[in-house]
């Protein structure tokens, strides 16, 4: 299984902004097919004071049509 890292620098102004986005993401993730998933996310405190993330996810498996 190949894994990928997605880096989002300065993605959110504050940790509260990130928390709101995480809640929306979790709700949307429950609607997604099982083939779409992530392994782990890390939160970064940027030098600017904003918040970024590093997300690790597997290579998606082809979806049968």
PDB file of N, CA and C in Angstrom:
ATOM      1  N   UNK A   1       0.843  -1.172   0.000  1.00  0.00           N
ATOM      2  CA  UNK A   1       0.000   0.000   0.000  1.00  0.00           C
ATOM      3  C   UNK A   1       0.893   1.242   0.000  1.00  0.00           C
ATOM      4  N   UNK A   2       0.678   2.119  -0.966  1.00  0.00           N
ATOM      5  CA  UNK A   2       1.363   3.405  -0.992  1.00  0.00           C
ATOM      6  C   UNK A   2       0.652   4.359  -0.046  1.00  0.00           C
ATOM      7  N   UNK A   3       1.407   5.200   0.620  1.00  0.00           N
ATOM      8  CA  UNK A   3       0.806   6.240   1.455  1.00  0.00           C
ATOM      9  C   UNK A   3       1.256   7.605   0.951  1.00  0.00           C
ATOM     10  N   UNK A   4       0.411   8.595   1.193  1.00  0.00           N
ATOM     11  CA  UNK A   4       0.674   9.951   0.754  1.00  0.00           C
ATOM     12  C   UNK A   4       0.557  10.891   1.935  1.00  0.00           C
ATOM     13  N   UNK A   5       1.303  11.982   1.869  1.00  0.00           N
ATOM     14  CA  UNK A   5       1.237  13.019   2.890  1.00  0.00           C
ATOM     15  C   UNK A   5       0.707  14.286   2.228  1.00  0.00           C
ATOM     16  N   UNK A   6      -0.295  14.881   2.842  1.00  0.00           N
ATOM     17  CA  UNK A   6      -0.870  16.132   2.355  1.00  0.00           C
ATOM     18  C   UNK A   6      -0.510  17.213   3.371  1.00  0.00           C
ATOM     19  N   UNK A   7       0.213  18.221   2.937  1.00  0.00           N
ATOM     20  CA  UNK A   7       0.642  19.315   3.803  1.00  0.00           C
ATOM     21  C   UNK A   7      -0.210  20.541   3.505  1.00  0.00           C
ATOM     22  N   UNK A   8      -0.856  21.051   4.527  1.00  0.00           N
ATOM     23  CA  UNK A   8      -1.652  22.278   4.398  1.00  0.00           C
ATOM     24  C   UNK A   8      -1.030  23.327   5.320  1.00  0.00           C
ATOM     25  N   UNK A   9      -0.234  24.214   4.748  1.00  0.00           N
ATOM     26  CA  UNK A   9       0.416  25.273   5.524  1.00  0.00           C
ATOM     27  C   UNK A   9      -0.545  26.435   5.695  1.00  0.00           C
ATOM     28  N   UNK A  10      -0.580  26.990   6.889  1.00  0.00           N
ATOM     29  CA  UNK A  10      -1.392  28.176   7.162  1.00  0.00           C
ATOM     30  C   UNK A  10      -2.841  28.006   6.690  1.00  0.00           C
ATOM     31  N   UNK A  11      -3.394  26.824   6.884  1.00  0.00           N
ATOM     32  CA  UNK A  11      -4.747  26.532   6.401  1.00  0.00           C
ATOM     33  C   UNK A  11      -5.856  27.182   7.205  1.00  0.00           C
ATOM     34  N   UNK A  12      -5.606  27.466   8.467  1.00  0.00           N
ATOM     35  CA  UNK A  12      -6.633  28.021   9.352  1.00  0.00           C
ATOM     36  C   UNK A  12      -6.013  29.107  10.204  1.00  0.00           C
ATOM     37  N   UNK A  13      -6.796  30.130  10.487  1.00  0.00           N
ATOM     38  CA  UNK A  13      -6.293  31.250  11.263  1.00  0.00           C
ATOM     39  C   UNK A  13      -6.040  30.911  12.720  1.00  0.00           C
ATOM     40  N   UNK A  14      -6.902  30.051  13.287  1.00  0.00           N
ATOM     41  CA  UNK A  14      -6.782  29.705  14.711  1.00  0.00           C
ATOM     42  C   UNK A  14      -7.104  28.231  14.907  1.00  0.00           C
ATOM     43  N   UNK A  15      -6.792  27.729  16.083  1.00  0.00           N
ATOM     44  CA  UNK A  15      -7.131  26.339  16.418  1.00  0.00           C
ATOM     45  C   UNK A  15      -8.656  26.156  16.439  1.00  0.00           C
ATOM     46  N   UNK A  16      -9.399  27.192  16.844  1.00  0.00           N
ATOM     47  CA  UNK A  16     -10.865  27.094  16.818  1.00  0.00           C
ATOM     48  C   UNK A  16     -11.385  26.941  15.393  1.00  0.00           C
ATOM     49  N   UNK A  17     -10.777  27.665  14.437  1.00  0.00           N
ATOM     50  CA  UNK A  17     -11.152  27.513  13.025  1.00  0.00           C
ATOM     51  C   UNK A  17     -10.916  26.077  12.565  1.00  0.00           C
ATOM     52  N   UNK A  18      -9.780  25.518  12.953  1.00  0.00           N
ATOM     53  CA  UNK A  18      -9.464  24.139  12.588  1.00  0.00           C
ATOM     54  C   UNK A  18     -10.464  23.178  13.215  1.00  0.00           C
ATOM     55  N   UNK A  19     -10.848  23.407  14.454  1.00  0.00           N
ATOM     56  CA  UNK A  19     -11.819  22.535  15.128  1.00  0.00           C
ATOM     57  C   UNK A  19     -13.148  22.521  14.383  1.00  0.00           C
ATOM     58  N   UNK A  20     -13.621  23.684  13.958  1.00  0.00           N
ATOM     59  CA  UNK A  20     -14.868  23.745  13.188  1.00  0.00           C
ATOM     60  C   UNK A  20     -14.732  22.988  11.866  1.00  0.00           C
ATOM     61  N   UNK A  21     -13.602  23.161  11.203  1.00  0.00           N
ATOM     62  CA  UNK A  21     -13.365  22.445   9.950  1.00  0.00           C
ATOM     63  C   UNK A  21     -13.302  20.939  10.188  1.00  0.00           C
ATOM     64  N   UNK A  22     -12.691  20.517  11.292  1.00  0.00           N
ATOM     65  CA  UNK A  22     -12.596  19.090  11.616  1.00  0.00           C
ATOM     66  C   UNK A  22     -13.978  18.493  11.857  1.00  0.00           C
ATOM     67  N   UNK A  23     -14.852  19.250  12.495  1.00  0.00           N
ATOM     68  CA  UNK A  23     -16.216  18.756  12.729  1.00  0.00           C
ATOM     69  C   UNK A  23     -16.963  18.580  11.411  1.00  0.00           C
ATOM     70  N   UNK A  24     -16.811  19.548  10.490  1.00  0.00           N
ATOM     71  CA  UNK A  24     -17.457  19.425   9.178  1.00  0.00           C
ATOM     72  C   UNK A  24     -16.852  18.261   8.393  1.00  0.00           C
ATOM     73  N   UNK A  25     -15.533  18.103   8.478  1.00  0.00           N
ATOM     74  CA  UNK A  25     -14.843  17.034   7.773  1.00  0.00           C
ATOM     75  C   UNK A  25     -15.283  15.663   8.287  1.00  0.00           C
ATOM     76  N   UNK A  26     -15.424  15.534   9.593  1.00  0.00           N
ATOM     77  CA  UNK A  26     -15.860  14.268  10.178  1.00  0.00           C
ATOM     78  C   UNK A  26     -17.260  13.913   9.699  1.00  0.00           C
ATOM     79  N   UNK A  27     -18.148  14.893   9.694  1.00  0.00           N
ATOM     80  CA  UNK A  27     -19.525  14.653   9.230  1.00  0.00           C
ATOM     81  C   UNK A  27     -19.532  14.247   7.758  1.00  0.00           C
ATOM     82  N   UNK A  28     -18.735  14.932   6.933  1.00  0.00           N
ATOM     83  CA  UNK A  28     -18.673  14.592   5.512  1.00  0.00           C
ATOM     84  C   UNK A  28     -18.036  13.223   5.310  1.00  0.00           C
ATOM     85  N   UNK A  29     -17.029  12.895   6.129  1.00  0.00           N
ATOM     86  CA  UNK A  29     -16.350  11.608   6.014  1.00  0.00           C
ATOM     87  C   UNK A  29     -17.264  10.429   6.273  1.00  0.00           C
ATOM     88  N   UNK A  30     -18.262  10.628   7.111  1.00  0.00           N
ATOM     89  CA  UNK A  30     -19.212   9.556   7.389  1.00  0.00           C
ATOM     90  C   UNK A  30     -20.100   9.255   6.183  1.00  0.00           C
ATOM     91  N   UNK A  31     -20.167  10.191   5.248  1.00  0.00           N
ATOM     92  CA  UNK A  31     -20.967  10.020   4.035  1.00  0.00           C
ATOM     93  C   UNK A  31     -20.146   9.432   2.875  1.00  0.00           C
ATOM     94  N   UNK A  32     -18.827   9.393   3.014  1.00  0.00           N
ATOM     95  CA  UNK A  32     -17.952   8.974   1.930  1.00  0.00           C
ATOM     96  C   UNK A  32     -17.887   7.451   1.822  1.00  0.00           C
ATOM     97  N   UNK A  33     -17.575   6.955   0.626  1.00  0.00           N
ATOM     98  CA  UNK A  33     -17.388   5.510   0.478  1.00  0.00           C
ATOM     99  C   UNK A  33     -16.210   5.020   1.328  1.00  0.00           C
ATOM    100  N   UNK A  34     -16.233   3.755   1.669  1.00  0.00           N
ATOM    101  CA  UNK A  34     -15.191   3.177   2.527  1.00  0.00           C
ATOM    102  C   UNK A  34     -13.801   3.282   1.905  1.00  0.00           C
ATOM    103  N   UNK A  35     -13.710   3.386   0.581  1.00  0.00           N
ATOM    104  CA  UNK A  35     -12.410   3.460  -0.088  1.00  0.00           C
ATOM    105  C   UNK A  35     -11.692   4.780   0.177  1.00  0.00           C
ATOM    106  N   UNK A  36     -12.439   5.801   0.596  1.00  0.00           N
ATOM    107  CA  UNK A  36     -11.862   7.117   0.856  1.00  0.00           C
ATOM    108  C   UNK A  36     -11.652   7.249   2.357  1.00  0.00           C
ATOM    109  N   UNK A  37     -10.395   7.315   2.773  1.00  0.00           N
ATOM    110  CA  UNK A  37     -10.112   7.400   4.205  1.00  0.00           C
ATOM    111  C   UNK A  37      -8.746   8.007   4.432  1.00  0.00           C
ATOM    112  N   UNK A  38      -8.466   8.316   5.669  1.00  0.00           N
ATOM    113  CA  UNK A  38      -7.132   8.775   6.033  1.00  0.00           C
ATOM    114  C   UNK A  38      -6.630   7.958   7.204  1.00  0.00           C
ATOM    115  N   UNK A  39      -5.337   8.015   7.411  1.00  0.00           N
ATOM    116  CA  UNK A  39      -4.713   7.244   8.477  1.00  0.00           C
ATOM    117  C   UNK A  39      -4.536   8.102   9.722  1.00  0.00           C
ATOM    118  N   UNK A  40      -3.989   9.297   9.544  1.00  0.00           N
ATOM    119  CA  UNK A  40      -3.659  10.122  10.709  1.00  0.00           C
ATOM    120  C   UNK A  40      -3.456  11.561  10.250  1.00  0.00           C
ATOM    121  N   UNK A  41      -3.740  12.504  11.148  1.00  0.00           N
ATOM    122  CA  UNK A  41      -3.473  13.918  10.893  1.00  0.00           C
ATOM    123  C   UNK A  41      -2.687  14.501  12.057  1.00  0.00           C
ATOM    124  N   UNK A  42      -1.839  15.451  11.735  1.00  0.00           N
ATOM    125  CA  UNK A  42      -1.055  16.172  12.731  1.00  0.00           C
ATOM    126  C   UNK A  42      -1.328  17.662  12.563  1.00  0.00           C
ATOM    127  N   UNK A  43      -1.410  18.384  13.660  1.00  0.00           N
ATOM    128  CA  UNK A  43      -1.633  19.826  13.629  1.00  0.00           C
ATOM    129  C   UNK A  43      -0.295  20.532  13.801  1.00  0.00           C
ATOM    130  N   UNK A  44      -0.086  21.566  12.979  1.00  0.00           N
ATOM    131  CA  UNK A  44       1.147  22.349  13.030  1.00  0.00           C
ATOM    132  C   UNK A  44       0.845  23.759  13.501  1.00  0.00           C
ATOM    133  N   UNK A  45       1.592  24.243  14.464  1.00  0.00           N
ATOM    134  CA  UNK A  45       1.514  25.653  14.819  1.00  0.00           C
ATOM    135  C   UNK A  45       2.522  26.380  13.950  1.00  0.00           C
ATOM    136  N   UNK A  46       2.028  27.241  13.078  1.00  0.00           N
ATOM    137  CA  UNK A  46       2.893  27.952  12.137  1.00  0.00           C
ATOM    138  C   UNK A  46       3.566  29.148  12.821  1.00  0.00           C
ATOM    139  N   UNK A  47       4.667  29.593  12.265  1.00  0.00           N
ATOM    140  CA  UNK A  47       5.396  30.746  12.808  1.00  0.00           C
ATOM    141  C   UNK A  47       4.541  32.011  12.773  1.00  0.00           C
ATOM    142  N   UNK A  48       3.586  32.061  11.853  1.00  0.00           N
ATOM    143  CA  UNK A  48       2.699  33.228  11.724  1.00  0.00           C
ATOM    144  C   UNK A  48       1.615  33.255  12.789  1.00  0.00           C
ATOM    145  N   UNK A  49       1.490  32.150  13.551  1.00  0.00           N
ATOM    146  CA  UNK A  49       0.434  32.038  14.554  1.00  0.00           C
ATOM    147  C   UNK A  49      -0.785  31.307  14.047  1.00  0.00           C
ATOM    148  N   UNK A  50      -0.829  31.038  12.756  1.00  0.00           N
ATOM    149  CA  UNK A  50      -1.943  30.275  12.198  1.00  0.00           C
ATOM    150  C   UNK A  50      -1.692  28.782  12.405  1.00  0.00           C
ATOM    151  N   UNK A  51      -2.609  27.971  11.897  1.00  0.00           N
ATOM    152  CA  UNK A  51      -2.557  26.522  12.103  1.00  0.00           C
ATOM    153  C   UNK A  51      -2.534  25.822  10.753  1.00  0.00           C
ATOM    154  N   UNK A  52      -1.708  24.808  10.637  1.00  0.00           N
ATOM    155  CA  UNK A  52      -1.660  23.971   9.451  1.00  0.00           C
ATOM    156  C   UNK A  52      -1.826  22.514   9.842  1.00  0.00           C
ATOM    157  N   UNK A  53      -1.874  21.642   8.854  1.00  0.00           N
ATOM    158  CA  UNK A  53      -1.991  20.210   9.136  1.00  0.00           C
ATOM    159  C   UNK A  53      -1.103  19.405   8.197  1.00  0.00           C
ATOM    160  N   UNK A  54      -0.768  18.219   8.653  1.00  0.00           N
ATOM    161  CA  UNK A  54      -0.139  17.194   7.832  1.00  0.00           C
ATOM    162  C   UNK A  54      -1.040  15.972   7.957  1.00  0.00           C
ATOM    163  N   UNK A  55      -1.562  15.495   6.827  1.00  0.00           N
ATOM    164  CA  UNK A  55      -2.455  14.339   6.832  1.00  0.00           C
ATOM    165  C   UNK A  55      -1.799  13.188   6.076  1.00  0.00           C
ATOM    166  N   UNK A  56      -1.876  12.007   6.639  1.00  0.00           N
ATOM    167  CA  UNK A  56      -1.330  10.802   6.016  1.00  0.00           C
ATOM    168  C   UNK A  56      -2.510   9.963   5.564  1.00  0.00           C
ATOM    169  N   UNK A  57      -2.491   9.583   4.294  1.00  0.00           N
ATOM    170  CA  UNK A  57      -3.590   8.780   3.771  1.00  0.00           C
ATOM    171  C   UNK A  57      -3.075   7.725   2.809  1.00  0.00           C
ATOM    172  N   UNK A  58      -3.802   6.630   2.671  1.00  0.00           N
ATOM    173  CA  UNK A  58      -3.383   5.587   1.736  1.00  0.00           C
ATOM    174  C   UNK A  58      -3.763   5.955   0.307  1.00  0.00           C
ATOM    175  N   UNK A  59      -3.098   5.316  -0.624  1.00  0.00           N
ATOM    176  CA  UNK A  59      -3.474   5.417  -2.025  1.00  0.00           C
ATOM    177  C   UNK A  59      -4.880   4.849  -2.154  1.00  0.00           C
ATOM    178  N   UNK A  60      -5.820   5.613  -2.714  1.00  0.00           N
ATOM    179  CA  UNK A  60      -7.178   5.071  -2.818  1.00  0.00           C
ATOM    180  C   UNK A  60      -7.226   3.879  -3.760  1.00  0.00           C
ATOM    181  N   UNK A  61      -8.019   2.911  -3.378  1.00  0.00           N
ATOM    182  CA  UNK A  61      -8.220   1.746  -4.241  1.00  0.00           C
ATOM    183  C   UNK A  61      -9.210   2.132  -5.335  1.00  0.00           C
ATOM    184  N   UNK A  62      -9.047   1.582  -6.516  1.00  0.00           N
ATOM    185  CA  UNK A  62     -10.002   1.891  -7.593  1.00  0.00           C
ATOM    186  C   UNK A  62     -11.417   1.502  -7.182  1.00  0.00           C
ATOM    187  N   UNK A  63     -12.370   2.343  -7.528  1.00  0.00           N
ATOM    188  CA  UNK A  63     -13.766   2.067  -7.221  1.00  0.00           C
ATOM    189  C   UNK A  63     -14.369   1.317  -8.394  1.00  0.00           C
ATOM    190  N   UNK A  64     -14.996   0.185  -8.125  1.00  0.00           N
ATOM    191  CA  UNK A  64     -15.624  -0.609  -9.181  1.00  0.00           C
ATOM    192  C   UNK A  64     -16.823   0.157  -9.745  1.00  0.00           C
ATOM    193  N   UNK A  65     -16.954   0.102 -11.070  1.00  0.00           N
ATOM    194  CA  UNK A  65     -18.092   0.788 -11.707  1.00  0.00           C
ATOM    195  C   UNK A  65     -19.023  -0.193 -12.328  1.00  0.00           C
TER     196      UNK A  65
END
